[in-house]
Amino acid sequence: MVAAPVKGQELGCFPPVRPFVPSDPRDVEAYSDLIRQDFETYIVDFEAYLRCLDTERARVFVEGQEVIREYGAFQEIVEKLRPR
């Protein structure tokens, strides 16, 4: 059996890319604007990533409850079909 993709799962939640800081202070100085922007982008992406995980967790929790109810209904059907 192959699991079908569920709406919202096509892209998933991707962690942000950690900013790179050069070890050479001269490079830090030369690229400080770019590095600063990388940090700011990371922070925005980090917050979005956590929101995505929270949303996915809530979705999976609801789905899990639905599947448990469906399994209970399935078990009832099987029990009724079982010869006595």
PDB file of N, CA and C in Angstrom:
ATOM      1  N   MET A   1       0.849  -1.172   0.000  1.00  0.00           N
ATOM      2  CA  MET A   1       0.000   0.000   0.000  1.00  0.00           C
ATOM      3  C   MET A   1       0.897   1.238   0.000  1.00  0.00           C
ATOM      4  N   VAL A   2       0.557   2.198  -0.843  1.00  0.00           N
ATOM      5  CA  VAL A   2       1.325   3.435  -0.942  1.00  0.00           C
ATOM      6  C   VAL A   2       0.491   4.564  -0.366  1.00  0.00           C
ATOM      7  N   ALA A   3       1.093   5.354   0.501  1.00  0.00           N
ATOM      8  CA  ALA A   3       0.374   6.477   1.095  1.00  0.00           C
ATOM      9  C   ALA A   3       0.194   7.574   0.062  1.00  0.00           C
ATOM     10  N   ALA A   4      -1.006   8.089  -0.007  1.00  0.00           N
ATOM     11  CA  ALA A   4      -1.286   9.200  -0.924  1.00  0.00           C
ATOM     12  C   ALA A   4      -0.909  10.511  -0.255  1.00  0.00           C
ATOM     13  N   PRO A   5      -0.387  11.449  -1.023  1.00  0.00           N
ATOM     14  CA  PRO A   5      -0.051  12.738  -0.420  1.00  0.00           C
ATOM     15  C   PRO A   5      -1.310  13.461   0.040  1.00  0.00           C
ATOM     16  N   VAL A   6      -1.198  14.120   1.144  1.00  0.00           N
ATOM     17  CA  VAL A   6      -2.295  14.878   1.719  1.00  0.00           C
ATOM     18  C   VAL A   6      -2.034  16.345   1.450  1.00  0.00           C
ATOM     19  N   LYS A   7      -3.102  17.090   1.206  1.00  0.00           N
ATOM     20  CA  LYS A   7      -2.932  18.521   0.952  1.00  0.00           C
ATOM     21  C   LYS A   7      -2.115  19.132   2.081  1.00  0.00           C
ATOM     22  N   GLY A   8      -1.147  19.947   1.731  1.00  0.00           N
ATOM     23  CA  GLY A   8      -0.280  20.563   2.725  1.00  0.00           C
ATOM     24  C   GLY A   8       1.021  19.807   2.915  1.00  0.00           C
ATOM     25  N   GLN A   9       1.046  18.559   2.479  1.00  0.00           N
ATOM     26  CA  GLN A   9       2.257  17.769   2.638  1.00  0.00           C
ATOM     27  C   GLN A   9       3.166  17.848   1.423  1.00  0.00           C
ATOM     28  N   GLU A  10       2.678  18.451   0.346  1.00  0.00           N
ATOM     29  CA  GLU A  10       3.478  18.485  -0.874  1.00  0.00           C
ATOM     30  C   GLU A  10       4.834  19.132  -0.627  1.00  0.00           C
ATOM     31  N   LEU A  11       4.843  20.198   0.141  1.00  0.00           N
ATOM     32  CA  LEU A  11       6.088  20.918   0.371  1.00  0.00           C
ATOM     33  C   LEU A  11       6.709  20.580   1.716  1.00  0.00           C
ATOM     34  N   GLY A  12       5.911  20.392   2.727  1.00  0.00           N
ATOM     35  CA  GLY A  12       6.432  20.069   4.046  1.00  0.00           C
ATOM     36  C   GLY A  12       7.074  21.261   4.729  1.00  0.00           C
ATOM     37  N   CYS A  13       7.652  21.012   5.878  1.00  0.00           N
ATOM     38  CA  CYS A  13       8.326  22.042   6.672  1.00  0.00           C
ATOM     39  C   CYS A  13       9.831  21.843   6.519  1.00  0.00           C
ATOM     40  N   PHE A  14      10.484  22.864   6.081  1.00  0.00           N
ATOM     41  CA  PHE A  14      11.924  22.778   5.888  1.00  0.00           C
ATOM     42  C   PHE A  14      12.638  23.694   6.871  1.00  0.00           C
ATOM     43  N   PRO A  15      13.625  23.177   7.594  1.00  0.00           N
ATOM     44  CA  PRO A  15      14.358  24.020   8.548  1.00  0.00           C
ATOM     45  C   PRO A  15      15.145  25.105   7.819  1.00  0.00           C
ATOM     46  N   PRO A  16      15.345  26.215   8.496  1.00  0.00           N
ATOM     47  CA  PRO A  16      16.108  27.297   7.870  1.00  0.00           C
ATOM     48  C   PRO A  16      17.578  26.920   7.719  1.00  0.00           C
ATOM     49  N   VAL A  17      18.225  27.593   6.784  1.00  0.00           N
ATOM     50  CA  VAL A  17      19.654  27.370   6.555  1.00  0.00           C
ATOM     51  C   VAL A  17      20.436  28.265   7.508  1.00  0.00           C
ATOM     52  N   ARG A  18      21.288  27.634   8.291  1.00  0.00           N
ATOM     53  CA  ARG A  18      22.085  28.373   9.271  1.00  0.00           C
ATOM     54  C   ARG A  18      23.046  29.329   8.563  1.00  0.00           C
ATOM     55  N   PRO A  19      23.124  30.566   9.041  1.00  0.00           N
ATOM     56  CA  PRO A  19      24.031  31.534   8.405  1.00  0.00           C
ATOM     57  C   PRO A  19      25.492  31.117   8.558  1.00  0.00           C
ATOM     58  N   PHE A  20      26.264  31.418   7.548  1.00  0.00           N
ATOM     59  CA  PHE A  20      27.695  31.149   7.587  1.00  0.00           C
ATOM     60  C   PHE A  20      28.416  32.430   7.981  1.00  0.00           C
ATOM     61  N   VAL A  21      29.303  32.302   8.945  1.00  0.00           N
ATOM     62  CA  VAL A  21      30.140  33.434   9.354  1.00  0.00           C
ATOM     63  C   VAL A  21      31.589  33.038   9.095  1.00  0.00           C
ATOM     64  N   PRO A  22      32.265  33.765   8.235  1.00  0.00           N
ATOM     65  CA  PRO A  22      33.661  33.434   7.939  1.00  0.00           C
ATOM     66  C   PRO A  22      34.534  33.540   9.191  1.00  0.00           C
ATOM     67  N   SER A  23      35.584  32.768   9.220  1.00  0.00           N
ATOM     68  CA  SER A  23      36.493  32.815  10.372  1.00  0.00           C
ATOM     69  C   SER A  23      37.469  33.988  10.284  1.00  0.00           C
ATOM     70  N   ASP A  24      37.676  34.485   9.114  1.00  0.00           N
ATOM     71  CA  ASP A  24      38.601  35.604   8.927  1.00  0.00           C
ATOM     72  C   ASP A  24      37.869  36.926   9.181  1.00  0.00           C
ATOM     73  N   PRO A  25      38.317  37.692  10.180  1.00  0.00           N
ATOM     74  CA  PRO A  25      37.663  38.968  10.495  1.00  0.00           C
ATOM     75  C   PRO A  25      37.596  39.926   9.303  1.00  0.00           C
ATOM     76  N   ARG A  26      38.546  39.837   8.416  1.00  0.00           N
ATOM     77  CA  ARG A  26      38.515  40.713   7.227  1.00  0.00           C
ATOM     78  C   ARG A  26      37.339  40.359   6.320  1.00  0.00           C
ATOM     79  N   ASP A  27      37.068  39.070   6.219  1.00  0.00           N
ATOM     80  CA  ASP A  27      35.911  38.645   5.427  1.00  0.00           C
ATOM     81  C   ASP A  27      34.610  39.058   6.108  1.00  0.00           C
ATOM     82  N   VAL A  28      34.587  38.952   7.432  1.00  0.00           N
ATOM     83  CA  VAL A  28      33.403  39.385   8.179  1.00  0.00           C
ATOM     84  C   VAL A  28      33.136  40.859   7.891  1.00  0.00           C
ATOM     85  N   GLU A  29      34.188  41.649   7.955  1.00  0.00           N
ATOM     86  CA  GLU A  29      34.037  43.085   7.694  1.00  0.00           C
ATOM     87  C   GLU A  29      33.601  43.336   6.246  1.00  0.00           C
ATOM     88  N   ALA A  30      34.220  42.653   5.325  1.00  0.00           N
ATOM     89  CA  ALA A  30      33.923  42.866   3.906  1.00  0.00           C
ATOM     90  C   ALA A  30      32.494  42.454   3.539  1.00  0.00           C
ATOM     91  N   TYR A  31      31.989  41.431   4.194  1.00  0.00           N
ATOM     92  CA  TYR A  31      30.673  40.895   3.847  1.00  0.00           C
ATOM     93  C   TYR A  31      29.641  41.104   4.953  1.00  0.00           C
ATOM     94  N   SER A  32      29.884  42.064   5.827  1.00  0.00           N
ATOM     95  CA  SER A  32      29.014  42.247   6.997  1.00  0.00           C
ATOM     96  C   SER A  32      27.554  42.484   6.615  1.00  0.00           C
ATOM     97  N   ASP A  33      27.296  43.258   5.570  1.00  0.00           N
ATOM     98  CA  ASP A  33      25.905  43.497   5.164  1.00  0.00           C
ATOM     99  C   ASP A  33      25.232  42.201   4.715  1.00  0.00           C
ATOM    100  N   LEU A  34      25.931  41.416   3.944  1.00  0.00           N
ATOM    101  CA  LEU A  34      25.398  40.143   3.471  1.00  0.00           C
ATOM    102  C   LEU A  34      25.187  39.171   4.635  1.00  0.00           C
ATOM    103  N   ILE A  35      26.140  39.111   5.538  1.00  0.00           N
ATOM    104  CA  ILE A  35      26.036  38.214   6.699  1.00  0.00           C
ATOM    105  C   ILE A  35      24.870  38.644   7.584  1.00  0.00           C
ATOM    106  N   ARG A  36      24.741  39.943   7.807  1.00  0.00           N
ATOM    107  CA  ARG A  36      23.634  40.468   8.615  1.00  0.00           C
ATOM    108  C   ARG A  36      22.295  40.063   7.988  1.00  0.00           C
ATOM    109  N   GLN A  37      22.191  40.218   6.686  1.00  0.00           N
ATOM    110  CA  GLN A  37      20.958  39.832   5.988  1.00  0.00           C
ATOM    111  C   GLN A  37      20.698  38.332   6.118  1.00  0.00           C
ATOM    112  N   ASP A  38      21.757  37.533   6.057  1.00  0.00           N
ATOM    113  CA  ASP A  38      21.598  36.085   6.243  1.00  0.00           C
ATOM    114  C   ASP A  38      21.036  35.768   7.626  1.00  0.00           C
ATOM    115  N   PHE A  39      21.511  36.466   8.654  1.00  0.00           N
ATOM    116  CA  PHE A  39      20.989  36.248  10.005  1.00  0.00           C
ATOM    117  C   PHE A  39      19.526  36.668  10.099  1.00  0.00           C
ATOM    118  N   GLU A  40      19.194  37.806   9.520  1.00  0.00           N
ATOM    119  CA  GLU A  40      17.810  38.279   9.566  1.00  0.00           C
ATOM    120  C   GLU A  40      16.880  37.330   8.810  1.00  0.00           C
ATOM    121  N   THR A  41      17.352  36.837   7.683  1.00  0.00           N
ATOM    122  CA  THR A  41      16.576  35.855   6.920  1.00  0.00           C
ATOM    123  C   THR A  41      16.398  34.578   7.727  1.00  0.00           C
ATOM    124  N   TYR A  42      17.456  34.148   8.395  1.00  0.00           N
ATOM    125  CA  TYR A  42      17.379  32.941   9.217  1.00  0.00           C
ATOM    126  C   TYR A  42      16.304  33.094  10.289  1.00  0.00           C
ATOM    127  N   ILE A  43      16.289  34.236  10.957  1.00  0.00           N
ATOM    128  CA  ILE A  43      15.328  34.452  12.043  1.00  0.00           C
ATOM    129  C   ILE A  43      13.896  34.403  11.511  1.00  0.00           C
ATOM    130  N   VAL A  44      13.651  35.052  10.380  1.00  0.00           N
ATOM    131  CA  VAL A  44      12.318  35.015   9.774  1.00  0.00           C
ATOM    132  C   VAL A  44      11.959  33.579   9.374  1.00  0.00           C
ATOM    133  N   ASP A  45      12.885  32.891   8.730  1.00  0.00           N
ATOM    134  CA  ASP A  45      12.639  31.513   8.298  1.00  0.00           C
ATOM    135  C   ASP A  45      12.469  30.570   9.482  1.00  0.00           C
ATOM    136  N   PHE A  46      13.203  30.808  10.556  1.00  0.00           N
ATOM    137  CA  PHE A  46      13.099  30.001  11.771  1.00  0.00           C
ATOM    138  C   PHE A  46      11.693  30.104  12.351  1.00  0.00           C
ATOM    139  N   GLU A  47      11.186  31.323  12.428  1.00  0.00           N
ATOM    140  CA  GLU A  47       9.833  31.526  12.956  1.00  0.00           C
ATOM    141  C   GLU A  47       8.789  30.857  12.058  1.00  0.00           C
ATOM    142  N   ALA A  48       8.959  30.982  10.745  1.00  0.00           N
ATOM    143  CA  ALA A  48       8.033  30.342   9.808  1.00  0.00           C
ATOM    144  C   ALA A  48       8.100  28.818   9.930  1.00  0.00           C
ATOM    145  N   TYR A  49       9.294  28.295  10.125  1.00  0.00           N
ATOM    146  CA  TYR A  49       9.481  26.852  10.284  1.00  0.00           C
ATOM    147  C   TYR A  49       8.747  26.343  11.520  1.00  0.00           C
ATOM    148  N   LEU A  50       8.872  27.061  12.627  1.00  0.00           N
ATOM    149  CA  LEU A  50       8.177  26.643  13.845  1.00  0.00           C
ATOM    150  C   LEU A  50       6.663  26.702  13.663  1.00  0.00           C
ATOM    151  N   ARG A  51       6.170  27.727  12.982  1.00  0.00           N
ATOM    152  CA  ARG A  51       4.728  27.814  12.710  1.00  0.00           C
ATOM    153  C   ARG A  51       4.287  26.639  11.838  1.00  0.00           C
ATOM    154  N   CYS A  52       5.096  26.301  10.856  1.00  0.00           N
ATOM    155  CA  CYS A  52       4.787  25.167   9.985  1.00  0.00           C
ATOM    156  C   CYS A  52       4.723  23.866  10.791  1.00  0.00           C
ATOM    157  N   LEU A  53       5.691  23.660  11.665  1.00  0.00           N
ATOM    158  CA  LEU A  53       5.691  22.454  12.500  1.00  0.00           C
ATOM    159  C   LEU A  53       4.467  22.410  13.405  1.00  0.00           C
ATOM    160  N   ASP A  54       4.101  23.553  13.982  1.00  0.00           N
ATOM    161  CA  ASP A  54       2.911  23.614  14.835  1.00  0.00           C
ATOM    162  C   ASP A  54       1.657  23.255  14.039  1.00  0.00           C
ATOM    163  N   THR A  55       1.561  23.796  12.825  1.00  0.00           N
ATOM    164  CA  THR A  55       0.408  23.511  11.969  1.00  0.00           C
ATOM    165  C   THR A  55       0.370  22.039  11.595  1.00  0.00           C
ATOM    166  N   GLU A  56       1.503  21.494  11.225  1.00  0.00           N
ATOM    167  CA  GLU A  56       1.571  20.082  10.838  1.00  0.00           C
ATOM    168  C   GLU A  56       1.258  19.173  12.020  1.00  0.00           C
ATOM    169  N   ARG A  57       1.738  19.531  13.190  1.00  0.00           N
ATOM    170  CA  ARG A  57       1.450  18.734  14.389  1.00  0.00           C
ATOM    171  C   ARG A  57      -0.050  18.710  14.657  1.00  0.00           C
ATOM    172  N   ALA A  58      -0.694  19.871  14.561  1.00  0.00           N
ATOM    173  CA  ALA A  58      -2.137  19.948  14.784  1.00  0.00           C
ATOM    174  C   ALA A  58      -2.886  19.119  13.740  1.00  0.00           C
ATOM    175  N   ARG A  59      -2.456  19.202  12.492  1.00  0.00           N
ATOM    176  CA  ARG A  59      -3.108  18.443  11.426  1.00  0.00           C
ATOM    177  C   ARG A  59      -2.981  16.938  11.658  1.00  0.00           C
ATOM    178  N   VAL A  60      -1.779  16.509  12.008  1.00  0.00           N
ATOM    179  CA  VAL A  60      -1.541  15.083  12.229  1.00  0.00           C
ATOM    180  C   VAL A  60      -2.309  14.589  13.455  1.00  0.00           C
ATOM    181  N   PHE A  61      -2.433  15.419  14.468  1.00  0.00           N
ATOM    182  CA  PHE A  61      -3.183  15.037  15.665  1.00  0.00           C
ATOM    183  C   PHE A  61      -4.644  14.779  15.303  1.00  0.00           C
ATOM    184  N   VAL A  62      -5.251  15.699  14.544  1.00  0.00           N
ATOM    185  CA  VAL A  62      -6.640  15.526  14.117  1.00  0.00           C
ATOM    186  C   VAL A  62      -6.766  14.288  13.235  1.00  0.00           C
ATOM    187  N   GLU A  63      -5.833  14.131  12.304  1.00  0.00           N
ATOM    188  CA  GLU A  63      -5.860  12.960  11.431  1.00  0.00           C
ATOM    189  C   GLU A  63      -5.761  11.675  12.244  1.00  0.00           C
ATOM    190  N   GLY A  64      -4.891  11.660  13.232  1.00  0.00           N
ATOM    191  CA  GLY A  64      -4.738  10.475  14.072  1.00  0.00           C
ATOM    192  C   GLY A  64      -6.026  10.119  14.797  1.00  0.00           C
ATOM    193  N   GLN A  65      -6.720  11.135  15.302  1.00  0.00           N
ATOM    194  CA  GLN A  65      -8.000  10.882  15.971  1.00  0.00           C
ATOM    195  C   GLN A  65      -9.018  10.305  14.988  1.00  0.00           C
ATOM    196  N   GLU A  66      -9.049  10.847  13.766  1.00  0.00           N
ATOM    197  CA  GLU A  66      -9.965  10.332  12.742  1.00  0.00           C
ATOM    198  C   GLU A  66      -9.650   8.879  12.412  1.00  0.00           C
ATOM    199  N   VAL A  67      -8.378   8.566  12.257  1.00  0.00           N
ATOM    200  CA  VAL A  67      -7.974   7.200  11.914  1.00  0.00           C
ATOM    201  C   VAL A  67      -8.344   6.235  13.041  1.00  0.00           C
ATOM    202  N   ILE A  68      -8.179   6.656  14.273  1.00  0.00           N
ATOM    203  CA  ILE A  68      -8.549   5.796  15.404  1.00  0.00           C
ATOM    204  C   ILE A  68     -10.048   5.515  15.384  1.00  0.00           C
ATOM    205  N   ARG A  69     -10.865   6.555  15.104  1.00  0.00           N
ATOM    206  CA  ARG A  69     -12.317   6.340  15.007  1.00  0.00           C
ATOM    207  C   ARG A  69     -12.643   5.400  13.844  1.00  0.00           C
ATOM    208  N   GLU A  70     -11.985   5.606  12.710  1.00  0.00           N
ATOM    209  CA  GLU A  70     -12.210   4.738  11.549  1.00  0.00           C
ATOM    210  C   GLU A  70     -11.810   3.296  11.854  1.00  0.00           C
ATOM    211  N   TYR A  71     -10.740   3.129  12.604  1.00  0.00           N
ATOM    212  CA  TYR A  71     -10.308   1.781  12.967  1.00  0.00           C
ATOM    213  C   TYR A  71     -11.349   1.123  13.872  1.00  0.00           C
ATOM    214  N   GLY A  72     -11.906   1.887  14.792  1.00  0.00           N
ATOM    215  CA  GLY A  72     -12.967   1.352  15.648  1.00  0.00           C
ATOM    216  C   GLY A  72     -14.169   0.909  14.832  1.00  0.00           C
ATOM    217  N   ALA A  73     -14.571   1.727  13.849  1.00  0.00           N
ATOM    218  CA  ALA A  73     -15.696   1.368  12.988  1.00  0.00           C
ATOM    219  C   ALA A  73     -15.358   0.121  12.170  1.00  0.00           C
ATOM    220  N   PHE A  74     -14.136   0.042  11.675  1.00  0.00           N
ATOM    221  CA  PHE A  74     -13.682  -1.134  10.931  1.00  0.00           C
ATOM    222  C   PHE A  74     -13.777  -2.384  11.808  1.00  0.00           C
ATOM    223  N   GLN A  75     -13.311  -2.276  13.042  1.00  0.00           N
ATOM    224  CA  GLN A  75     -13.347  -3.426  13.959  1.00  0.00           C
ATOM    225  C   GLN A  75     -14.786  -3.873  14.208  1.00  0.00           C
ATOM    226  N   GLU A  76     -15.711  -2.922  14.317  1.00  0.00           N
ATOM    227  CA  GLU A  76     -17.121  -3.274  14.518  1.00  0.00           C
ATOM    228  C   GLU A  76     -17.667  -4.032  13.311  1.00  0.00           C
ATOM    229  N   ILE A  77     -17.324  -3.576  12.100  1.00  0.00           N
ATOM    230  CA  ILE A  77     -17.784  -4.254  10.884  1.00  0.00           C
ATOM    231  C   ILE A  77     -17.231  -5.670  10.828  1.00  0.00           C
ATOM    232  N   VAL A  78     -15.951  -5.828  11.098  1.00  0.00           N
ATOM    233  CA  VAL A  78     -15.323  -7.155  11.074  1.00  0.00           C
ATOM    234  C   VAL A  78     -15.982  -8.068  12.100  1.00  0.00           C
ATOM    235  N   GLU A  79     -16.270  -7.534  13.259  1.00  0.00           N
ATOM    236  CA  GLU A  79     -16.894  -8.339  14.320  1.00  0.00           C
ATOM    237  C   GLU A  79     -18.286  -8.806  13.892  1.00  0.00           C
ATOM    238  N   LYS A  80     -19.033  -7.942  13.226  1.00  0.00           N
ATOM    239  CA  LYS A  80     -20.382  -8.306  12.769  1.00  0.00           C
ATOM    240  C   LYS A  80     -20.330  -9.357  11.663  1.00  0.00           C
ATOM    241  N   LEU A  81     -19.275  -9.336  10.850  1.00  0.00           N
ATOM    242  CA  LEU A  81     -19.148 -10.287   9.744  1.00  0.00           C
ATOM    243  C   LEU A  81     -18.607 -11.641  10.191  1.00  0.00           C
ATOM    244  N   ARG A  82     -18.021 -11.683  11.356  1.00  0.00           N
ATOM    245  CA  ARG A  82     -17.403 -12.917  11.853  1.00  0.00           C
ATOM    246  C   ARG A  82     -18.495 -13.951  12.158  1.00  0.00           C
ATOM    247  N   PRO A  83     -18.321 -15.172  11.633  1.00  0.00           N
ATOM    248  CA  PRO A  83     -19.315 -16.216  11.930  1.00  0.00           C
ATOM    249  C   PRO A  83     -19.323 -16.538  13.422  1.00  0.00           C
ATOM    250  N   ARG A  84     -20.482 -16.850  13.867  1.00  0.00           N
ATOM    251  CA  ARG A  84     -20.632 -17.147  15.305  1.00  0.00           C
ATOM    252  C   ARG A  84     -20.807 -18.615  15.513  1.00  0.00           C
TER     253      ARG A  84
END
